[in-house]
Amino acid sequence: MRLGESGCIELQLPFDAVTQAQLRAVRPRGQWMARRGCWQFPLEAAAVLQRQFGRRFAVEPELQRWFSWLEQPLPPLPPHRELVAAAALEQVLPDGRCLFAHQRAAARWLLARRGAVLADAMGLGKTLTALAAARAMVRAADCRIVVVAPAGLHNHWRQEASALQLQLELLSWARLPAELPPAGTVLIADEAHYAQNLQASRTQAFLRLSRHPRLRAVWLLSGTPMKNGRPVQLFPLLAAIGHPLAVDQRAYEERYCQGHWLERGGTRQWQALGATHLEELQRLTRPLVLHRRKQDCLDLPPKQRLLVPVSLSEAEGQGFQHRLQLKVDDYRRRAQAGLVRRDAEVLAVFTALRQISAEYKLPAAASLLQRLQAEGEPVVLFTAFVAAAELLHSQLGGGLLTGRLPPGARQQVVDAFQAGQQPLLISTFGVGGLGFTLHRARHVVLLERPWTPGDAEQAEDRCHRIGMQASLQCHWLQLGVADQLVDDLIASKAQRIELLLRRRSWPGMVRTLLEQW
């Protein structure tokens, strides 16, 4: 018996019909992992496995340590009312701020749950909310706080923790440890959608931490818990918080992801990329997933999206077609040489089409930015391509945020824009669309849109936040069918996400009823 990468108990053994039958009868139920050649059981089956198989199987030291912790659990936590009292949510923070009403409600909600997903929209202050709740755990149960967050957001977490006079242990998603301290720990995962791929090593490492016997609570923060509108992406998060739906992955995928076997190339492959029974899934996950929109919590100025059509001259159109044909010909030559997959040609050509489109939209983008700056408007532009961002920056100046800039220098660029030292900030979605506050801007321009609605929404909401002084206008530059296809895809995915995560208030339900009547 050994401890698996995801914190489950694994039993490896040569085939024995009697033992196999005994393992199938163990409850909680385990599953045979053909690729790993072992049985896998949840940690809740530890007592049964020890009692029935402890003398027949060698137990590795790491798993034996977890067994000993399970036999000597941490003292129980105080009642919920005492935790809320310890949080002191109504008091003014040491830096002079006060928690908003929606933050106080979310902190009380977190303190009532040992595992939960806080999926509020971007800009509602999830960081401060989670830390306010964690402070109560520190005061009432002497817990340690461990935060998993992208490296670029560590400074933000330190600042917010300093406002609450808290000590944090900050971890990066790229380097997760195998163990937590023996003392009780509150584990907070920021941008928890980083763990949406169950096959990824960082997801496995995070699940291991979330199942640690010395864990007091695990709270996941993500404004986009289902970025692509696929319920399969929600499953790892449900597994991390111990939701009952995550006990049986195959049953979950069959019910909510249209899971089925697909014959391809003479082999059977399991596919679970669909979405079905979303209203049922929303009802079952609602107790442990809190999602609220900005209009439900704050009286923010409105956000308006404007489509900006981009047309090409006849000569530009011919140049566009020529460049695209060169990309197609190059891909087919590499496919014929066996360097790339033949069946991925459509996706490769579509990606090339979007990249070329971004370059051909640069003159229109530059004209729009110059007009807005001439009116004295601070502007943020997002693009998916570093080359496009650098070309615009060389022409117009301003601040530049790309992955080529060291993480420590990115906040300085943001601070310069927020302080009014720069009228323009140009950024890629992957860098500027994550964790920064850019509410000085009244205009945000998206040169193109990412594949997922969550990324587009995050980019816009860097500017649509608490503290903004006027309405926000979002300009979507749209050239040809490629942009139209992505924008339609975003709309359909966003509709599925809203159906799953919507949390209707009582006044909203009454308003809907009156409108229908």
Protein backbone atom coordinates (compact mmCIF):
# COMPACT_ATOMS: atom_id res chain seq x y z
CA MET A 1 0.00 0.00 0.00
CA ARG A 2 1.28 3.44 -0.92
CA LEU A 3 0.15 7.08 -1.03
CA GLY A 4 -0.80 8.12 -4.53
CA GLU A 5 0.11 11.37 -6.26
CA SER A 6 -3.39 12.76 -5.65
CA GLY A 7 -3.57 11.77 -1.97
CA CYS A 8 -5.48 8.51 -2.46
CA ILE A 9 -4.52 5.07 -1.17
CA GLU A 10 -3.09 2.79 -3.85
CA LEU A 11 -2.76 -1.00 -3.59
CA GLN A 12 -0.46 -2.76 -6.01
CA LEU A 13 -0.55 -6.54 -6.17
CA PRO A 14 -0.19 -9.47 -8.58
CA PHE A 15 -3.48 -10.84 -9.88
CA ASP A 16 -5.34 -12.91 -7.33
CA ALA A 17 -9.04 -13.57 -7.93
CA VAL A 18 -9.92 -13.85 -4.23
CA THR A 19 -8.15 -10.61 -3.25
CA GLN A 20 -9.63 -8.81 -6.24
CA ALA A 21 -13.12 -9.81 -5.12
CA GLN A 22 -12.38 -8.64 -1.57
CA LEU A 23 -11.16 -5.28 -2.85
CA ARG A 24 -14.33 -4.82 -4.91
CA ALA A 25 -16.37 -5.26 -1.74
CA VAL A 26 -14.53 -2.53 0.21
CA ARG A 27 -16.57 0.55 1.04
CA PRO A 28 -16.04 3.40 0.31
CA ARG A 29 -15.68 1.92 -3.14
CA GLY A 30 -12.32 1.89 -4.91
CA GLN A 31 -11.53 1.66 -8.60
CA TRP A 32 -9.05 -0.28 -10.68
CA MET A 33 -6.52 2.05 -12.38
CA ALA A 34 -5.43 0.09 -15.43
CA ARG A 35 -2.72 2.54 -16.52
CA ARG A 36 -1.10 2.53 -13.08
CA GLY A 37 -1.71 -1.16 -12.47
CA CYS A 38 -3.20 -0.67 -9.00
CA TRP A 39 -6.39 -0.23 -7.00
CA GLN A 40 -7.15 3.30 -5.81
CA PHE A 41 -9.26 4.09 -2.73
CA PRO A 42 -10.23 7.36 -1.06
CA LEU A 43 -8.60 8.17 2.25
CA GLU A 44 -11.91 7.48 4.01
CA ALA A 45 -11.32 3.76 3.35
CA ALA A 46 -8.11 3.76 5.42
CA ALA A 47 -9.58 2.01 8.49
CA VAL A 48 -11.20 -0.77 6.42
CA LEU A 49 -8.07 -1.36 4.37
CA GLN A 50 -5.85 -1.47 7.45
CA ARG A 51 -8.16 -3.91 9.19
CA GLN A 52 -8.58 -6.28 6.24
CA PHE A 53 -5.25 -5.99 4.41
CA GLY A 54 -2.81 -4.37 6.83
CA ARG A 55 -1.00 -7.66 7.55
CA ARG A 56 -0.98 -8.83 3.93
CA PHE A 57 0.35 -5.67 2.29
CA ALA A 58 3.53 -3.76 3.04
CA VAL A 59 2.67 -0.16 3.91
CA GLU A 60 5.07 2.49 2.66
CA PRO A 61 6.33 4.93 5.38
CA GLU A 62 4.65 7.97 3.82
CA LEU A 63 1.23 6.34 3.91
CA GLN A 64 1.89 4.98 7.41
CA ARG A 65 2.45 8.57 8.60
CA TRP A 66 -0.93 9.60 7.16
CA PHE A 67 -2.54 6.58 8.85
CA SER A 68 -1.13 7.66 12.21
CA TRP A 69 -2.47 11.19 11.71
CA LEU A 70 -5.90 9.79 10.89
CA GLU A 71 -5.85 7.81 14.13
CA GLN A 72 -4.98 10.99 16.09
CA PRO A 73 -7.14 13.72 14.50
CA LEU A 74 -6.89 17.40 15.35
CA PRO A 75 -9.21 18.78 18.06
CA PRO A 76 -12.64 19.85 16.72
CA LEU A 77 -13.13 23.44 15.64
CA PRO A 78 -15.28 25.83 17.68
CA PRO A 79 -18.93 26.30 16.65
CA HIS A 80 -19.69 28.52 13.69
CA ARG A 81 -20.94 31.43 15.81
CA GLU A 82 -17.63 31.52 17.70
CA LEU A 83 -15.66 31.53 14.45
CA VAL A 84 -17.78 34.40 13.12
CA ALA A 85 -17.24 36.32 16.35
CA ALA A 86 -13.47 35.73 16.09
CA ALA A 87 -13.52 37.09 12.53
CA ALA A 88 -14.68 40.54 13.80
CA LEU A 89 -16.06 41.29 10.35
CA GLU A 90 -17.69 44.59 11.37
CA GLN A 91 -14.48 46.14 12.70
CA VAL A 92 -12.40 48.61 10.72
CA LEU A 93 -9.27 46.98 9.30
CA PRO A 94 -5.85 48.19 10.49
CA ASP A 95 -5.35 50.03 7.17
CA GLY A 96 -8.63 51.95 7.57
CA ARG A 97 -10.78 49.92 5.17
CA CYS A 98 -14.04 48.18 6.00
CA LEU A 99 -15.35 44.98 4.51
CA PHE A 100 -18.32 45.37 2.18
CA ALA A 101 -21.57 43.64 3.06
CA HIS A 102 -21.08 40.99 0.37
CA GLN A 103 -17.56 40.27 1.70
CA ARG A 104 -18.84 39.83 5.26
CA ALA A 105 -21.57 37.47 4.01
CA ALA A 106 -19.04 35.42 2.01
CA ALA A 107 -16.65 35.19 4.99
CA ARG A 108 -19.47 33.83 7.18
CA TRP A 109 -20.35 31.41 4.38
CA LEU A 110 -16.74 30.15 4.17
CA LEU A 111 -16.49 29.68 7.93
CA ALA A 112 -19.49 27.34 7.82
CA ARG A 113 -17.70 25.03 5.33
CA ARG A 114 -14.48 23.06 5.52
CA GLY A 115 -14.39 22.83 1.73
CA ALA A 116 -15.89 25.45 -0.61
CA VAL A 117 -15.49 27.29 -3.91
CA LEU A 118 -15.85 31.08 -3.74
CA ALA A 119 -16.64 31.84 -7.38
CA ASP A 120 -17.61 35.51 -7.14
CA ALA A 121 -17.05 37.62 -10.22
CA MET A 122 -13.68 39.35 -10.60
CA GLY A 123 -13.37 42.56 -8.65
CA LEU A 124 -15.54 41.62 -5.65
CA GLY A 125 -12.58 41.24 -3.28
CA LYS A 126 -12.27 37.46 -2.91
CA THR A 127 -8.71 37.78 -1.56
CA LEU A 128 -9.68 39.97 1.40
CA THR A 129 -12.80 37.88 2.02
CA ALA A 130 -10.84 34.63 2.27
CA LEU A 131 -8.20 36.19 4.51
CA ALA A 132 -10.85 37.64 6.84
CA ALA A 133 -12.32 34.16 7.25
CA ALA A 134 -8.87 32.59 7.66
CA ARG A 135 -8.03 35.12 10.38
CA ALA A 136 -10.91 33.71 12.42
CA MET A 137 -9.47 30.20 12.05
CA VAL A 138 -6.08 31.47 13.24
CA ARG A 139 -7.60 33.17 16.29
CA ALA A 140 -9.93 30.31 17.24
CA ALA A 141 -7.83 27.25 16.41
CA ASP A 142 -4.24 28.50 15.97
CA CYS A 143 -4.17 27.45 12.30
CA ARG A 144 -1.49 28.20 9.75
CA ILE A 145 -2.51 29.83 6.46
CA VAL A 146 -1.09 28.41 3.24
CA VAL A 147 -1.98 30.21 -0.01
CA VAL A 148 -1.45 28.70 -3.46
CA ALA A 149 -1.41 31.46 -6.08
CA PRO A 150 0.35 32.36 -9.34
CA ALA A 151 3.75 33.88 -8.61
CA GLY A 152 2.70 37.19 -10.12
CA LEU A 153 0.00 37.61 -7.45
CA HIS A 154 2.16 36.95 -4.39
CA ASN A 155 2.79 40.65 -3.74
CA HIS A 156 -0.96 41.32 -3.82
CA TRP A 157 -1.53 38.56 -1.25
CA ARG A 158 1.23 39.93 0.98
CA GLN A 159 -0.31 43.40 0.87
CA GLU A 160 -3.79 42.17 1.77
CA ALA A 161 -2.40 39.91 4.52
CA SER A 162 -0.48 42.87 5.94
CA ALA A 163 -3.76 44.83 6.08
CA LEU A 164 -5.11 42.09 8.37
CA GLN A 165 -1.81 41.59 10.22
CA LEU A 166 -1.59 37.96 9.11
CA GLN A 167 1.37 35.72 8.33
CA LEU A 168 1.10 33.64 5.16
CA GLU A 169 3.01 30.81 3.58
CA LEU A 170 2.82 31.52 -0.16
CA LEU A 171 3.17 28.71 -2.68
CA SER A 172 3.25 28.83 -6.47
CA TRP A 173 1.14 26.54 -8.66
CA ALA A 174 4.37 25.53 -10.39
CA ARG A 175 5.98 24.26 -7.16
CA LEU A 176 3.59 22.53 -4.80
CA PRO A 177 5.05 20.61 -1.84
CA ALA A 178 4.17 17.01 -1.08
CA GLU A 179 3.22 17.69 2.56
CA LEU A 180 1.62 20.26 4.85
CA PRO A 181 2.79 21.11 8.39
CA PRO A 182 1.61 18.68 11.13
CA ALA A 183 -0.32 21.52 12.78
CA GLY A 184 -3.72 22.52 11.42
CA THR A 185 -3.67 24.39 8.11
CA VAL A 186 -6.15 26.53 6.17
CA LEU A 187 -5.40 26.02 2.48
CA ILE A 188 -6.51 28.81 0.12
CA ALA A 189 -6.13 28.33 -3.63
CA ASP A 190 -6.28 31.50 -5.72
CA GLU A 191 -7.09 31.15 -9.44
CA ALA A 192 -8.23 27.62 -8.63
CA HIS A 193 -9.06 26.98 -12.29
CA TYR A 194 -5.33 26.27 -12.66
CA ALA A 195 -6.32 22.82 -11.35
CA GLN A 196 -9.04 22.09 -13.94
CA ASN A 197 -7.13 19.38 -15.81
CA LEU A 198 -7.27 16.17 -13.81
CA GLN A 199 -4.34 14.68 -15.75
CA ALA A 200 -1.97 17.57 -15.03
CA SER A 201 0.71 17.01 -12.39
CA ARG A 202 -0.11 20.28 -10.58
CA THR A 203 -3.75 19.19 -10.26
CA GLN A 204 -2.65 15.88 -8.77
CA ALA A 205 -0.27 17.66 -6.39
CA PHE A 206 -2.98 20.08 -5.30
CA LEU A 207 -5.51 17.28 -4.71
CA ARG A 208 -2.93 15.62 -2.49
CA LEU A 209 -2.68 18.78 -0.35
CA SER A 210 -6.47 19.17 -0.25
CA ARG A 211 -6.80 15.63 1.17
CA HIS A 212 -4.08 16.00 3.80
CA PRO A 213 -5.11 14.66 7.25
CA ARG A 214 -3.84 17.84 8.95
CA LEU A 215 -5.98 20.16 6.83
CA ARG A 216 -8.52 22.31 8.66
CA ALA A 217 -10.20 23.83 5.60
CA VAL A 218 -9.67 24.20 1.86
CA TRP A 219 -11.19 27.22 0.14
CA LEU A 220 -10.90 27.67 -3.61
CA LEU A 221 -11.11 31.12 -5.21
CA SER A 222 -11.90 31.51 -8.90
CA GLY A 223 -14.06 33.88 -10.89
CA THR A 224 -14.03 31.27 -13.67
CA PRO A 225 -14.43 27.81 -12.09
CA MET A 226 -15.59 26.42 -15.45
CA LYS A 227 -13.66 28.51 -17.98
CA ASN A 228 -14.70 26.63 -21.12
CA GLY A 229 -18.28 25.92 -20.11
CA ARG A 230 -17.50 22.20 -19.68
CA PRO A 231 -18.60 20.46 -16.45
CA VAL A 232 -15.58 18.15 -16.70
CA GLN A 233 -13.45 21.15 -15.67
CA LEU A 234 -15.45 21.53 -12.48
CA PHE A 235 -14.81 17.95 -11.33
CA PRO A 236 -11.24 18.46 -9.95
CA LEU A 237 -12.47 21.44 -7.89
CA LEU A 238 -15.33 19.36 -6.49
CA ALA A 239 -12.82 16.61 -5.67
CA ALA A 240 -10.58 19.10 -3.85
CA ILE A 241 -13.40 20.27 -1.56
CA GLY A 242 -14.70 16.73 -0.95
CA HIS A 243 -18.05 17.15 -2.72
CA PRO A 244 -20.08 13.91 -2.87
CA LEU A 245 -20.40 14.24 -6.67
CA ALA A 246 -16.63 13.71 -6.95
CA VAL A 247 -16.70 10.25 -5.39
CA ASP A 248 -17.34 8.53 -8.74
CA GLN A 249 -15.66 10.25 -11.67
CA ARG A 250 -17.11 7.94 -14.33
CA ALA A 251 -20.68 8.42 -13.07
CA TYR A 252 -20.17 12.20 -12.97
CA GLU A 253 -18.88 12.31 -16.54
CA GLU A 254 -21.66 10.08 -17.87
CA ARG A 255 -24.34 12.22 -16.23
CA TYR A 256 -23.05 15.76 -16.76
CA CYS A 257 -20.35 15.56 -19.48
CA GLN A 258 -21.99 13.21 -22.02
CA GLY A 259 -19.24 10.69 -21.30
CA HIS A 260 -19.05 7.84 -23.81
CA TRP A 261 -16.61 5.49 -25.51
CA LEU A 262 -15.38 6.59 -28.92
CA GLU A 263 -13.85 4.30 -31.53
CA ARG A 264 -10.83 5.97 -33.10
CA GLY A 265 -8.09 4.30 -35.10
CA GLY A 266 -9.12 0.85 -33.91
CA THR A 267 -8.93 1.82 -30.24
CA ARG A 268 -11.58 2.86 -27.75
CA GLN A 269 -11.18 6.25 -26.10
CA TRP A 270 -13.28 7.74 -23.32
CA GLN A 271 -14.60 11.20 -24.20
CA ALA A 272 -16.38 13.53 -21.76
CA LEU A 273 -16.36 17.01 -23.29
CA GLY A 274 -20.09 17.69 -23.47
CA ALA A 275 -22.50 19.40 -21.09
CA THR A 276 -25.90 18.15 -19.97
CA HIS A 277 -28.22 18.25 -16.92
CA LEU A 278 -26.71 21.61 -15.96
CA GLU A 279 -29.69 22.72 -13.88
CA GLU A 280 -29.40 19.55 -11.79
CA LEU A 281 -25.64 20.05 -11.42
CA GLN A 282 -26.20 23.65 -10.33
CA ARG A 283 -28.70 22.54 -7.69
CA LEU A 284 -26.36 19.86 -6.29
CA THR A 285 -23.23 22.05 -6.22
CA ARG A 286 -24.92 25.21 -4.94
CA PRO A 287 -24.33 24.47 -1.21
CA LEU A 288 -20.56 24.49 -1.72
CA VAL A 289 -20.15 26.89 -4.66
CA LEU A 290 -20.91 30.59 -4.13
CA HIS A 291 -21.16 32.67 -7.29
CA ARG A 292 -22.37 36.27 -7.33
CA ARG A 293 -22.22 38.88 -10.07
CA LYS A 294 -21.11 42.46 -9.55
CA GLN A 295 -24.58 43.83 -10.19
CA ASP A 296 -25.84 41.62 -7.33
CA CYS A 297 -23.36 43.07 -4.81
CA LEU A 298 -22.16 46.51 -5.88
CA ASP A 299 -23.53 49.67 -7.39
CA LEU A 300 -20.79 49.88 -10.01
CA PRO A 301 -21.00 52.05 -13.14
CA PRO A 302 -22.21 49.98 -16.12
CA LYS A 303 -20.01 48.04 -18.54
CA GLN A 304 -20.83 48.26 -22.26
CA ARG A 305 -19.46 46.12 -25.08
CA LEU A 306 -19.03 47.70 -28.51
CA LEU A 307 -18.21 45.71 -31.65
CA VAL A 308 -15.75 47.58 -33.89
CA PRO A 309 -15.85 46.08 -37.42
CA VAL A 310 -12.52 46.17 -39.27
CA SER A 311 -12.49 46.09 -43.08
CA LEU A 312 -9.55 45.59 -45.44
CA SER A 313 -8.81 47.17 -48.77
CA GLU A 314 -8.58 44.95 -51.85
CA ALA A 315 -4.77 44.99 -51.71
CA GLU A 316 -4.76 44.19 -47.97
CA GLY A 317 -7.24 41.38 -48.57
CA GLN A 318 -4.98 39.83 -51.20
CA GLY A 319 -1.99 40.10 -48.88
CA PHE A 320 -4.00 38.49 -46.08
CA GLN A 321 -4.99 35.55 -48.33
CA HIS A 322 -1.39 35.14 -49.54
CA ARG A 323 0.00 34.96 -46.00
CA LEU A 324 -2.64 32.49 -44.94
CA GLN A 325 -1.93 30.29 -47.99
CA LEU A 326 1.76 30.27 -47.09
CA LYS A 327 0.84 29.04 -43.59
CA VAL A 328 -1.36 26.28 -45.04
CA ASP A 329 1.31 25.15 -47.50
CA ASP A 330 3.97 25.12 -44.77
CA TYR A 331 1.77 23.06 -42.46
CA ARG A 332 1.01 20.51 -45.18
CA ARG A 333 4.72 20.13 -45.99
CA ARG A 334 5.48 19.44 -42.31
CA ALA A 335 2.56 17.02 -42.09
CA GLN A 336 3.84 15.14 -45.13
CA ALA A 337 7.27 14.92 -43.48
CA GLY A 338 5.67 13.52 -40.32
CA LEU A 339 6.59 16.50 -38.16
CA VAL A 340 3.00 17.41 -37.22
CA ARG A 341 -0.33 15.60 -37.07
CA ARG A 342 -2.37 15.56 -40.27
CA ASP A 343 -5.71 15.61 -38.43
CA ALA A 344 -4.87 18.92 -36.68
CA GLU A 345 -4.72 20.99 -39.87
CA VAL A 346 -8.02 22.78 -39.29
CA LEU A 347 -7.04 23.94 -35.81
CA ALA A 348 -3.57 25.00 -36.94
CA VAL A 349 -4.95 27.00 -39.87
CA PHE A 350 -7.55 28.65 -37.64
CA THR A 351 -4.85 29.67 -35.14
CA ALA A 352 -2.76 31.11 -37.98
CA LEU A 353 -5.85 32.94 -39.24
CA ARG A 354 -6.35 34.61 -35.85
CA GLN A 355 -2.68 35.55 -35.56
CA ILE A 356 -2.59 37.13 -39.04
CA SER A 357 -5.91 38.86 -38.32
CA ALA A 358 -4.41 40.43 -35.20
CA GLU A 359 -1.62 41.99 -37.25
CA TYR A 360 -4.03 43.30 -39.89
CA LYS A 361 -6.16 44.89 -37.16
CA LEU A 362 -3.22 46.88 -35.77
CA PRO A 363 -3.84 50.02 -37.89
CA ALA A 364 -7.49 50.13 -36.79
CA ALA A 365 -6.45 49.53 -33.18
CA ALA A 366 -3.81 52.27 -33.33
CA SER A 367 -6.36 54.70 -34.79
CA LEU A 368 -8.85 53.88 -32.02
CA LEU A 369 -6.24 54.24 -29.29
CA GLN A 370 -4.98 57.55 -30.64
CA ARG A 371 -8.52 58.93 -30.80
CA LEU A 372 -9.26 57.89 -27.21
CA GLN A 373 -5.98 59.31 -25.92
CA ALA A 374 -6.63 62.58 -27.76
CA GLU A 375 -9.84 62.80 -25.75
CA GLY A 376 -7.81 62.38 -22.56
CA GLU A 377 -9.04 58.84 -21.88
CA PRO A 378 -6.74 56.26 -20.20
CA VAL A 379 -6.95 53.00 -22.17
CA VAL A 380 -5.96 49.34 -21.66
CA LEU A 381 -5.53 47.04 -24.68
CA PHE A 382 -5.38 43.25 -24.47
CA THR A 383 -4.15 40.82 -27.11
CA ALA A 384 -3.27 37.13 -27.19
CA PHE A 385 -0.09 37.66 -29.21
CA VAL A 386 3.17 39.11 -27.89
CA ALA A 387 4.28 40.24 -31.36
CA ALA A 388 1.13 42.34 -31.83
CA ALA A 389 1.55 43.89 -28.38
CA GLU A 390 5.17 44.82 -29.05
CA LEU A 391 4.35 46.33 -32.45
CA LEU A 392 1.67 48.56 -30.94
CA HIS A 393 3.95 49.54 -28.07
CA SER A 394 6.75 50.53 -30.45
CA GLN A 395 4.32 52.76 -32.34
CA LEU A 396 2.30 54.30 -29.48
CA GLY A 397 4.42 53.90 -26.36
CA GLY A 398 2.78 53.47 -22.96
CA GLY A 399 3.23 50.54 -20.59
CA LEU A 400 3.82 47.00 -21.85
CA LEU A 401 2.92 43.80 -19.96
CA THR A 402 3.96 40.48 -21.51
CA GLY A 403 5.44 37.23 -20.28
CA ARG A 404 8.88 38.52 -21.22
CA LEU A 405 8.72 41.03 -18.36
CA PRO A 406 9.97 39.60 -15.02
CA PRO A 407 7.13 39.08 -12.48
CA GLY A 408 8.68 41.55 -10.06
CA ALA A 409 8.61 44.38 -12.63
CA ARG A 410 4.99 43.88 -13.74
CA GLN A 411 3.45 45.59 -10.73
CA GLN A 412 5.63 48.64 -11.38
CA VAL A 413 4.15 48.97 -14.88
CA VAL A 414 0.64 48.67 -13.45
CA ASP A 415 1.38 51.23 -10.71
CA ALA A 416 2.69 53.71 -13.29
CA PHE A 417 -0.52 53.40 -15.29
CA GLN A 418 -2.74 53.65 -12.23
CA ALA A 419 -0.85 56.75 -11.04
CA GLY A 420 -1.47 58.53 -14.34
CA GLN A 421 2.15 58.39 -15.51
CA GLN A 422 1.12 56.42 -18.60
CA PRO A 423 -2.08 57.04 -20.61
CA LEU A 424 -1.92 53.61 -22.29
CA LEU A 425 -1.27 50.07 -21.12
CA ILE A 426 -0.79 47.26 -23.65
CA SER A 427 -0.88 43.71 -22.32
CA THR A 428 -1.32 40.08 -23.21
CA PHE A 429 -4.28 38.24 -21.73
CA GLY A 430 -2.09 35.77 -19.87
CA VAL A 431 -0.23 38.46 -17.90
CA GLY A 432 -2.40 41.56 -17.55
CA GLY A 433 -5.68 39.66 -17.36
CA LEU A 434 -4.70 38.03 -14.08
CA GLY A 435 -4.78 39.64 -10.65
CA PHE A 436 -4.06 43.28 -11.45
CA THR A 437 -6.35 46.25 -10.75
CA LEU A 438 -6.63 48.70 -13.66
CA HIS A 439 -9.78 50.63 -12.76
CA ARG A 440 -8.30 53.96 -13.86
CA ALA A 441 -9.15 53.00 -17.44
CA ARG A 442 -12.57 53.92 -18.82
CA HIS A 443 -11.91 52.06 -22.08
CA VAL A 444 -10.58 48.55 -22.63
CA VAL A 445 -9.81 47.31 -26.14
CA LEU A 446 -9.67 43.59 -26.99
CA LEU A 447 -7.70 43.14 -30.20
CA GLU A 448 -9.08 39.61 -30.33
CA ARG A 449 -10.78 37.32 -27.84
CA PRO A 450 -9.37 34.21 -26.15
CA TRP A 451 -11.06 30.86 -26.71
CA THR A 452 -12.64 30.86 -23.26
CA PRO A 453 -15.23 33.37 -22.01
CA GLY A 454 -13.57 33.38 -18.59
CA ASP A 455 -10.37 34.90 -19.99
CA ALA A 456 -12.23 37.62 -21.89
CA GLU A 457 -14.32 38.41 -18.81
CA GLN A 458 -11.25 38.52 -16.57
CA ALA A 459 -9.49 40.95 -18.89
CA GLU A 460 -12.44 43.33 -18.94
CA ASP A 461 -12.94 43.08 -15.21
CA ARG A 462 -9.37 44.19 -14.50
CA CYS A 463 -10.89 47.63 -15.22
CA HIS A 464 -14.49 47.08 -14.05
CA ARG A 465 -13.79 47.05 -10.31
CA ILE A 466 -14.43 48.71 -6.97
CA GLY A 467 -13.07 52.26 -7.10
CA MET A 468 -13.79 53.05 -10.75
CA GLN A 469 -15.22 56.53 -11.29
CA ALA A 470 -17.22 56.18 -14.52
CA SER A 471 -18.73 53.62 -16.88
CA LEU A 472 -16.47 51.22 -18.79
CA GLN A 473 -16.60 50.75 -22.55
CA CYS A 474 -15.18 47.53 -23.97
CA HIS A 475 -14.22 47.71 -27.65
CA TRP A 476 -14.09 44.34 -29.46
CA LEU A 477 -12.26 44.64 -32.80
CA GLN A 478 -13.79 42.16 -35.21
CA LEU A 479 -12.30 41.18 -38.58
CA GLY A 480 -13.91 38.50 -40.71
CA VAL A 481 -15.40 35.13 -39.88
CA ALA A 482 -12.61 34.03 -37.51
CA ASP A 483 -13.44 36.72 -34.96
CA GLN A 484 -17.17 36.21 -35.45
CA LEU A 485 -16.78 32.47 -34.80
CA VAL A 486 -14.80 33.01 -31.58
CA ASP A 487 -17.23 35.67 -30.35
CA ASP A 488 -20.22 33.39 -31.00
CA LEU A 489 -18.38 30.57 -29.22
CA ILE A 490 -17.76 32.82 -26.20
CA ALA A 491 -21.44 33.73 -26.07
CA SER A 492 -22.60 30.10 -26.12
CA LYS A 493 -20.06 29.01 -23.49
CA ALA A 494 -20.93 31.97 -21.26
CA GLN A 495 -24.58 30.97 -21.44
CA ARG A 496 -23.74 27.46 -20.17
CA ILE A 497 -21.56 28.85 -17.37
CA GLU A 498 -24.28 31.25 -16.26
CA LEU A 499 -26.81 28.40 -16.22
CA LEU A 500 -24.58 26.33 -13.95
CA LEU A 501 -23.35 29.05 -11.58
CA ARG A 502 -26.31 31.38 -11.37
CA ARG A 503 -27.48 32.17 -7.86
CA ARG A 504 -30.84 33.89 -7.96
CA SER A 505 -31.76 36.30 -5.17
CA TRP A 506 -35.24 36.49 -3.71
CA PRO A 507 -35.89 40.00 -5.14
CA GLY A 508 -34.66 38.79 -8.52
CA MET A 509 -37.00 35.81 -8.47
CA VAL A 510 -39.97 38.05 -7.61
CA ARG A 511 -39.00 40.48 -10.37
CA THR A 512 -38.89 37.64 -12.91
CA LEU A 513 -42.25 36.37 -11.74
CA LEU A 514 -43.83 39.82 -12.13
CA GLU A 515 -42.34 40.23 -15.61
CA GLN A 516 -43.73 36.86 -16.72
CA TRP A 517 -47.14 37.63 -15.18
